Amino acid sequence: MNPSAWIQRNLGANTPVSLRLFGLIALLFVALALVFPAAVARAYVAGWIVAISAGMGASILVHTHRLTRGCWGEAARPAFEGLAATVPFLAILGFVVILVQPLVWPWADGSGLAEKPDVAALYLNPVFFGVRAIVILLGWSAIAVLAAGFGPQGRLASGLSIAFYAISVQFASIDWIMSLEPHWSSTTFGAMFAITQIALALSLLVATDAGGSPGPRDDLAKLLLVAILGLVYMQFMQFLVQWSGNLPEKVAYYVLRSEFPWQAVAILASLLAASAFAILSRTSLRHDAAYTKIAADCALAFVALFVFFEFAPPFRDWMTGLFVLAAVVGAIGLMLFLTVAAIAPRSASENSKPEVAP
């Protein structure tokens, strides 16, 4: 079949709008990949990290709820399970991440390693990177499947899931983000990555009012408040310890990000986090769906800029920066759409209930 016939068949007027839009996006993605292969590969990795982070954040919250209980988990279960169900599919897309290593990570070709290249190469090499990624994604898929309501639902399964996640998220943060700058390291980065995933999932839930009523809405908003405070606190403490230590390889991380436009990104992210905190810290505002949605939108923007701030600067390429930002925003938009779709049946059933006469 020639290209014009394929376009007419798959993108013609009789094709559903969603399928035509998907086809056009796919064609645009392929065209950009041919022209800017490195920038597209880096953007793909960034968007994929954000997308799978939303699902994993929701999965861990489900397992946490099974251990602690609470109305918030029951009310938001459709959204939790909908986000968790995306992880196995995104894990399959993770194989692309393994294939594009040379275009993204500086150590993939043996260059850009730390001061002891022989030692660093034992960990940072394409084969072991791929093996670790497969193990992590298989484990995360199992955790998400359990969170989505399949398989054992007991406290033991949830406890083991959280234990595996606590270990694997450390390796994921090192491999996928921290190793973009092999000379730099942080012992708190894994914990920040985990909190980022949880904050992203909570932001999606609050933005779509997955709680559905004042009580669960207040609980989810308070959890989001704690996640934002935790992320800001750990980032500040990391900066304070590493900057005061005055080690060249540590300080270089912040010197790079003190340049334009990264300094502006950091300031904007701080303002967004402060705005979300100002709303979520007020009890009266947490019960109001309109205000909590505003706070969640600020939190989503904060998380997007945080990931952008961590991922894009090492490349020192404005084209990569634009592509990464677009991919991060697009991934959040996709997960927001999926969250709305997950809670749509509940909203439809609530709208169909007959009104009770006073």
Protein backbone atom coordinates (compact mmCIF):
# COMPACT_ATOMS: atom_id res chain seq x y z
CA MET A 1 0.00 0.00 0.00
CA ASN A 2 1.40 3.41 -0.98
CA PRO A 3 1.65 6.24 1.60
CA SER A 4 -1.28 8.26 0.19
CA ALA A 5 -3.60 5.24 0.37
CA TRP A 6 -2.49 4.52 3.96
CA ILE A 7 -3.18 8.12 5.00
CA GLN A 8 -6.60 8.08 3.31
CA ARG A 9 -7.50 4.78 4.96
CA ASN A 10 -6.30 5.58 8.48
CA LEU A 11 -6.68 9.35 8.64
CA GLY A 12 -9.60 9.94 6.30
CA ALA A 13 -12.90 11.61 7.08
CA ASN A 14 -14.61 8.35 8.08
CA THR A 15 -11.99 7.55 10.71
CA PRO A 16 -12.86 8.42 14.36
CA VAL A 17 -11.44 11.74 15.51
CA SER A 18 -9.38 10.15 18.29
CA LEU A 19 -7.76 7.70 15.86
CA ARG A 20 -7.01 10.42 13.36
CA LEU A 21 -5.46 12.56 16.08
CA PHE A 22 -3.35 9.62 17.24
CA GLY A 23 -2.21 8.97 13.68
CA LEU A 24 -1.24 12.59 13.12
CA ILE A 25 0.70 12.67 16.40
CA ALA A 26 2.47 9.44 15.43
CA LEU A 27 3.43 10.85 12.04
CA LEU A 28 4.69 14.06 13.64
CA PHE A 29 6.68 12.06 16.19
CA VAL A 30 8.34 9.97 13.47
CA ALA A 31 9.17 13.07 11.43
CA LEU A 32 10.72 14.83 14.42
CA ALA A 33 12.64 11.68 15.35
CA LEU A 34 14.21 11.60 11.89
CA VAL A 35 15.27 15.25 12.10
CA PHE A 36 16.14 15.50 15.82
CA PRO A 37 16.81 11.92 16.98
CA ALA A 38 18.66 12.81 20.19
CA ALA A 39 16.19 15.48 21.32
CA VAL A 40 13.20 13.22 20.62
CA ALA A 41 14.80 10.28 22.45
CA ARG A 42 15.48 12.44 25.51
CA ALA A 43 11.96 13.86 25.45
CA TYR A 44 10.52 10.36 25.14
CA VAL A 45 12.42 9.21 28.23
CA ALA A 46 11.30 12.26 30.22
CA GLY A 47 7.65 11.85 29.23
CA TRP A 48 7.77 8.12 29.91
CA ILE A 49 9.23 8.71 33.39
CA VAL A 50 6.40 11.13 34.21
CA ALA A 51 3.70 8.80 32.89
CA ILE A 52 4.89 5.70 34.74
CA SER A 53 5.49 7.80 37.86
CA ALA A 54 1.80 8.72 38.00
CA GLY A 55 0.78 5.08 37.85
CA MET A 56 3.34 3.98 40.41
CA GLY A 57 2.41 6.81 42.78
CA ALA A 58 -1.22 5.68 42.62
CA SER A 59 -0.21 2.03 43.11
CA ILE A 60 1.79 2.79 46.25
CA LEU A 61 -1.07 4.86 47.64
CA VAL A 62 -3.42 1.90 47.10
CA HIS A 63 -1.10 -0.44 48.98
CA THR A 64 -0.64 2.15 51.71
CA HIS A 65 -4.40 2.44 52.06
CA ARG A 66 -4.74 -1.32 52.39
CA LEU A 67 -2.34 -1.19 55.33
CA THR A 68 -3.79 1.91 57.02
CA ARG A 69 -7.41 2.08 55.81
CA GLY A 70 -9.38 5.32 55.51
CA CYS A 71 -12.33 6.78 53.60
CA TRP A 72 -10.06 8.56 51.11
CA GLY A 73 -8.92 5.30 49.56
CA GLU A 74 -12.40 3.89 49.10
CA ALA A 75 -13.77 7.07 47.58
CA ALA A 76 -10.90 7.47 45.13
CA ARG A 77 -10.58 3.77 44.27
CA PRO A 78 -11.68 4.11 40.60
CA ALA A 79 -9.03 6.76 39.96
CA PHE A 80 -6.38 4.80 41.86
CA GLU A 81 -7.07 1.61 39.95
CA GLY A 82 -7.30 3.43 36.61
CA LEU A 83 -3.87 5.00 37.05
CA ALA A 84 -2.35 1.77 38.39
CA ALA A 85 -3.63 -0.16 35.37
CA THR A 86 -1.48 1.96 33.05
CA VAL A 87 1.82 0.77 34.55
CA PRO A 88 2.10 -2.62 32.77
CA PHE A 89 1.49 -0.98 29.39
CA LEU A 90 3.99 1.78 30.12
CA ALA A 91 6.47 -0.87 31.26
CA ILE A 92 6.33 -2.36 27.77
CA LEU A 93 7.14 1.08 26.35
CA GLY A 94 10.13 1.10 28.68
CA PHE A 95 11.97 -1.20 26.29
CA VAL A 96 12.35 1.81 24.00
CA VAL A 97 14.21 3.52 26.85
CA ILE A 98 16.69 0.64 26.92
CA LEU A 99 17.24 0.93 23.17
CA VAL A 100 17.91 4.69 23.09
CA GLN A 101 20.60 4.69 25.80
CA PRO A 102 23.38 6.10 23.56
CA LEU A 103 21.22 9.11 22.67
CA VAL A 104 20.36 10.00 26.27
CA TRP A 105 22.97 8.99 28.84
CA PRO A 106 26.60 10.16 28.48
CA TRP A 107 28.05 6.96 29.94
CA ALA A 108 26.36 4.66 27.42
CA ASP A 109 29.34 4.91 25.05
CA GLY A 110 31.92 4.70 27.85
CA SER A 111 32.51 8.44 28.16
CA GLY A 112 31.38 10.90 30.81
CA LEU A 113 31.95 8.55 33.74
CA ALA A 114 33.17 9.53 37.17
CA GLU A 115 36.77 9.92 38.31
CA LYS A 116 37.13 6.14 38.62
CA PRO A 117 35.83 4.99 35.23
CA ASP A 118 36.67 1.31 35.81
CA VAL A 119 34.58 1.23 38.98
CA ALA A 120 31.74 3.32 37.54
CA ALA A 121 31.59 1.14 34.43
CA LEU A 122 30.71 -1.85 36.61
CA TYR A 123 27.37 -0.19 37.29
CA LEU A 124 26.85 2.29 34.46
CA ASN A 125 26.94 0.14 31.35
CA PRO A 126 24.21 -0.62 28.79
CA VAL A 127 23.84 -4.32 29.64
CA PHE A 128 23.38 -3.92 33.40
CA PHE A 129 21.21 -0.85 32.82
CA GLY A 130 18.88 -2.95 30.68
CA VAL A 131 18.83 -5.83 33.18
CA ARG A 132 18.03 -3.48 36.06
CA ALA A 133 15.32 -1.74 34.03
CA ILE A 134 13.65 -5.06 33.17
CA VAL A 135 13.69 -6.21 36.81
CA ILE A 136 12.31 -2.87 38.01
CA LEU A 137 9.57 -2.75 35.39
CA LEU A 138 8.51 -6.35 36.00
CA GLY A 139 8.32 -5.67 39.73
CA TRP A 140 6.45 -2.40 39.24
CA SER A 141 4.01 -4.09 36.87
CA ALA A 142 3.27 -6.74 39.51
CA ILE A 143 2.77 -4.05 42.15
CA ALA A 144 0.41 -2.14 39.87
CA VAL A 145 -1.58 -5.24 38.90
CA LEU A 146 -2.15 -5.99 42.58
CA ALA A 147 -3.14 -2.35 43.17
CA ALA A 148 -5.59 -2.47 40.25
CA GLY A 149 -7.56 -5.21 41.99
CA PHE A 150 -6.11 -8.41 40.53
CA GLY A 151 -4.51 -11.13 42.61
CA PRO A 152 -4.03 -11.15 46.40
CA GLN A 153 -5.43 -8.08 48.14
CA GLY A 154 -4.16 -8.77 51.66
CA ARG A 155 -1.87 -6.76 53.89
CA LEU A 156 1.05 -9.11 53.28
CA ALA A 157 0.97 -8.49 49.51
CA SER A 158 0.79 -4.74 50.09
CA GLY A 159 3.66 -4.82 52.56
CA LEU A 160 5.88 -6.79 50.19
CA SER A 161 4.93 -4.45 47.34
CA ILE A 162 5.95 -1.36 49.31
CA ALA A 163 9.20 -3.04 50.41
CA PHE A 164 10.16 -3.90 46.82
CA TYR A 165 9.22 -0.42 45.68
CA ALA A 166 11.33 1.24 48.39
CA ILE A 167 14.40 -0.60 47.10
CA SER A 168 13.73 -0.47 43.36
CA VAL A 169 12.88 3.25 43.27
CA GLN A 170 16.41 3.99 44.46
CA PHE A 171 17.91 2.19 41.46
CA ALA A 172 15.35 3.72 39.09
CA SER A 173 16.19 7.25 40.22
CA ILE A 174 19.93 6.62 39.83
CA ASP A 175 19.67 4.97 36.43
CA TRP A 176 17.04 7.14 34.76
CA ILE A 177 17.79 10.64 36.10
CA MET A 178 20.83 10.92 38.37
CA SER A 179 23.18 9.18 35.93
CA LEU A 180 22.55 11.95 33.40
CA GLU A 181 25.28 13.67 35.44
CA PRO A 182 27.62 10.80 36.38
CA HIS A 183 29.94 13.03 38.43
CA TRP A 184 27.08 14.05 40.74
CA SER A 185 25.31 11.96 43.37
CA SER A 186 22.81 12.45 46.18
CA THR A 187 21.75 10.00 48.87
CA THR A 188 18.31 11.61 49.11
CA PHE A 189 17.48 11.59 45.41
CA GLY A 190 15.74 8.21 45.49
CA ALA A 191 13.43 9.37 48.27
CA MET A 192 12.70 12.58 46.34
CA PHE A 193 11.86 10.54 43.25
CA ALA A 194 9.42 8.42 45.26
CA ILE A 195 7.77 11.50 46.79
CA THR A 196 7.54 13.05 43.32
CA GLN A 197 5.62 10.02 42.07
CA ILE A 198 3.22 10.13 45.03
CA ALA A 199 2.77 13.92 44.71
CA LEU A 200 2.01 13.54 41.01
CA ALA A 201 -0.64 10.88 41.62
CA LEU A 202 -2.24 12.90 44.42
CA SER A 203 -2.25 16.04 42.26
CA LEU A 204 -4.12 14.16 39.53
CA LEU A 205 -6.65 12.83 42.04
CA VAL A 206 -7.29 16.20 43.66
CA ALA A 207 -7.42 18.02 40.31
CA THR A 208 -10.18 15.69 39.13
CA ASP A 209 -11.94 15.68 42.54
CA ALA A 210 -11.57 11.91 42.79
CA GLY A 211 -12.63 12.10 46.44
CA GLY A 212 -16.10 13.23 45.42
CA SER A 213 -17.21 14.50 48.85
CA PRO A 214 -15.83 16.89 51.51
CA GLY A 215 -14.35 14.21 53.78
CA PRO A 216 -12.26 12.25 51.23
CA ARG A 217 -11.48 15.49 49.40
CA ASP A 218 -10.00 16.93 52.58
CA ASP A 219 -7.97 13.77 53.21
CA LEU A 220 -6.51 13.71 49.71
CA ALA A 221 -5.74 17.43 49.90
CA LYS A 222 -3.90 16.95 53.19
CA LEU A 223 -1.89 14.07 51.71
CA LEU A 224 -1.00 16.30 48.76
CA LEU A 225 0.05 19.06 51.16
CA VAL A 226 2.39 16.65 52.97
CA ALA A 227 3.86 15.39 49.67
CA ILE A 228 4.59 18.92 48.46
CA LEU A 229 6.17 19.90 51.77
CA GLY A 230 8.25 16.74 51.76
CA LEU A 231 9.52 17.33 48.25
CA VAL A 232 10.41 20.97 48.91
CA TYR A 233 12.05 20.14 52.24
CA MET A 234 14.22 17.35 50.82
CA GLN A 235 15.27 19.47 47.85
CA PHE A 236 16.27 22.32 50.16
CA MET A 237 18.18 20.04 52.54
CA GLN A 238 19.99 18.44 49.61
CA PHE A 239 21.04 21.89 48.43
CA LEU A 240 22.07 23.00 51.91
CA VAL A 241 24.24 19.95 52.59
CA GLN A 242 25.88 19.76 49.17
CA TRP A 243 26.49 23.49 48.77
CA SER A 244 27.96 23.85 52.25
CA GLY A 245 30.15 20.80 51.62
CA ASN A 246 31.80 22.79 48.79
CA LEU A 247 32.83 19.73 46.77
CA PRO A 248 33.37 20.63 43.09
CA GLU A 249 31.32 17.73 41.66
CA LYS A 250 28.42 18.57 44.01
CA VAL A 251 28.50 22.33 43.52
CA ALA A 252 28.67 21.99 39.73
CA TYR A 253 25.12 20.58 39.79
CA TYR A 254 23.81 23.85 41.27
CA VAL A 255 26.12 26.14 39.31
CA LEU A 256 24.63 24.77 36.10
CA ARG A 257 21.09 25.32 37.38
CA SER A 258 21.83 28.85 38.52
CA GLU A 259 22.12 29.91 34.88
CA PHE A 260 19.27 31.20 32.74
CA PRO A 261 16.65 29.85 32.19
CA TRP A 262 16.98 27.25 34.96
CA GLN A 263 17.05 29.86 37.69
CA ALA A 264 13.74 31.21 36.41
CA VAL A 265 12.32 27.68 36.34
CA ALA A 266 13.34 27.15 39.97
CA ILE A 267 11.74 30.45 41.03
CA LEU A 268 8.50 29.69 39.19
CA ALA A 269 8.37 26.19 40.68
CA SER A 270 8.87 27.65 44.17
CA LEU A 271 6.01 30.10 43.64
CA LEU A 272 3.71 27.31 42.44
CA ALA A 273 4.57 25.16 45.46
CA ALA A 274 3.95 28.12 47.77
CA SER A 275 0.59 28.78 46.10
CA ALA A 276 -0.50 25.17 46.55
CA PHE A 277 0.66 25.26 50.18
CA ALA A 278 -1.23 28.49 50.87
CA ILE A 279 -4.51 26.95 49.68
CA LEU A 280 -4.12 23.44 51.09
CA SER A 281 -3.06 24.65 54.53
CA ARG A 282 -6.49 26.27 55.08
CA THR A 283 -9.11 23.83 56.35
CA SER A 284 -12.03 25.78 54.91
CA LEU A 285 -10.46 25.84 51.45
CA ARG A 286 -9.65 22.12 51.46
CA HIS A 287 -13.39 21.35 51.62
CA ASP A 288 -14.09 23.47 48.55
CA ALA A 289 -13.63 21.56 45.29
CA ALA A 290 -12.89 24.74 43.32
CA TYR A 291 -10.00 25.78 45.56
CA THR A 292 -8.53 22.30 45.84
CA LYS A 293 -8.54 22.02 42.05
CA ILE A 294 -6.61 25.28 41.81
CA ALA A 295 -4.11 23.98 44.36
CA ALA A 296 -3.80 20.69 42.46
CA ASP A 297 -3.20 22.53 39.20
CA CYS A 298 -0.40 24.47 40.90
CA ALA A 299 0.98 21.20 42.26
CA LEU A 300 0.89 19.58 38.81
CA ALA A 301 2.75 22.54 37.32
CA PHE A 302 5.24 22.39 40.21
CA VAL A 303 5.92 18.68 39.64
CA ALA A 304 6.28 19.24 35.89
CA LEU A 305 8.84 22.00 36.42
CA PHE A 306 10.62 19.94 39.07
CA VAL A 307 11.09 17.02 36.66
CA PHE A 308 12.10 19.45 33.91
CA PHE A 309 14.60 21.11 36.27
CA GLU A 310 16.17 17.75 37.14
CA PHE A 311 16.18 16.18 33.68
CA ALA A 312 16.88 18.81 31.02
CA PRO A 313 19.87 20.98 32.17
CA PRO A 314 22.65 18.38 31.67
CA PHE A 315 22.06 18.35 27.92
CA ARG A 316 22.79 22.08 27.52
CA ASP A 317 20.65 22.12 24.39
CA TRP A 318 17.68 24.43 23.96
CA MET A 319 16.03 22.10 21.44
CA THR A 320 16.20 19.22 23.91
CA GLY A 321 14.83 21.52 26.60
CA LEU A 322 11.79 22.44 24.52
CA PHE A 323 11.12 18.83 23.57
CA VAL A 324 11.50 17.63 27.17
CA LEU A 325 9.14 20.30 28.48
CA ALA A 326 6.56 19.43 25.83
CA ALA A 327 6.88 15.72 26.65
CA VAL A 328 6.50 16.28 30.40
CA VAL A 329 3.43 18.49 29.94
CA GLY A 330 1.98 16.06 27.41
CA ALA A 331 2.48 13.08 29.73
CA ILE A 332 0.74 14.89 32.59
CA GLY A 333 -2.10 15.84 30.26
CA LEU A 334 -2.47 12.21 29.16
CA MET A 335 -2.56 10.93 32.74
CA LEU A 336 -5.06 13.65 33.66
CA PHE A 337 -7.28 12.50 30.81
CA LEU A 338 -7.03 8.88 31.95
CA THR A 339 -7.89 9.89 35.53
CA VAL A 340 -11.01 11.71 34.33
CA ALA A 341 -11.96 8.66 32.25
CA ALA A 342 -11.52 6.39 35.29
CA ILE A 343 -13.94 8.36 37.45
CA ALA A 344 -16.42 9.10 34.63
CA PRO A 345 -18.71 6.10 35.42
CA ARG A 346 -19.03 7.26 39.03
CA SER A 347 -19.90 10.80 37.93
CA ALA A 348 -22.49 9.47 35.48
CA SER A 349 -24.13 7.33 38.16
CA GLU A 350 -24.26 10.27 40.55
CA ASN A 351 -25.86 12.48 37.91
CA SER A 352 -28.45 9.82 37.12
CA LYS A 353 -29.69 9.54 40.72
CA PRO A 354 -33.20 11.01 41.11
CA GLU A 355 -33.45 14.08 43.27
CA VAL A 356 -35.23 13.62 46.57
CA ALA A 357 -38.04 16.10 47.15
CA PRO A 358 -37.70 18.16 50.33
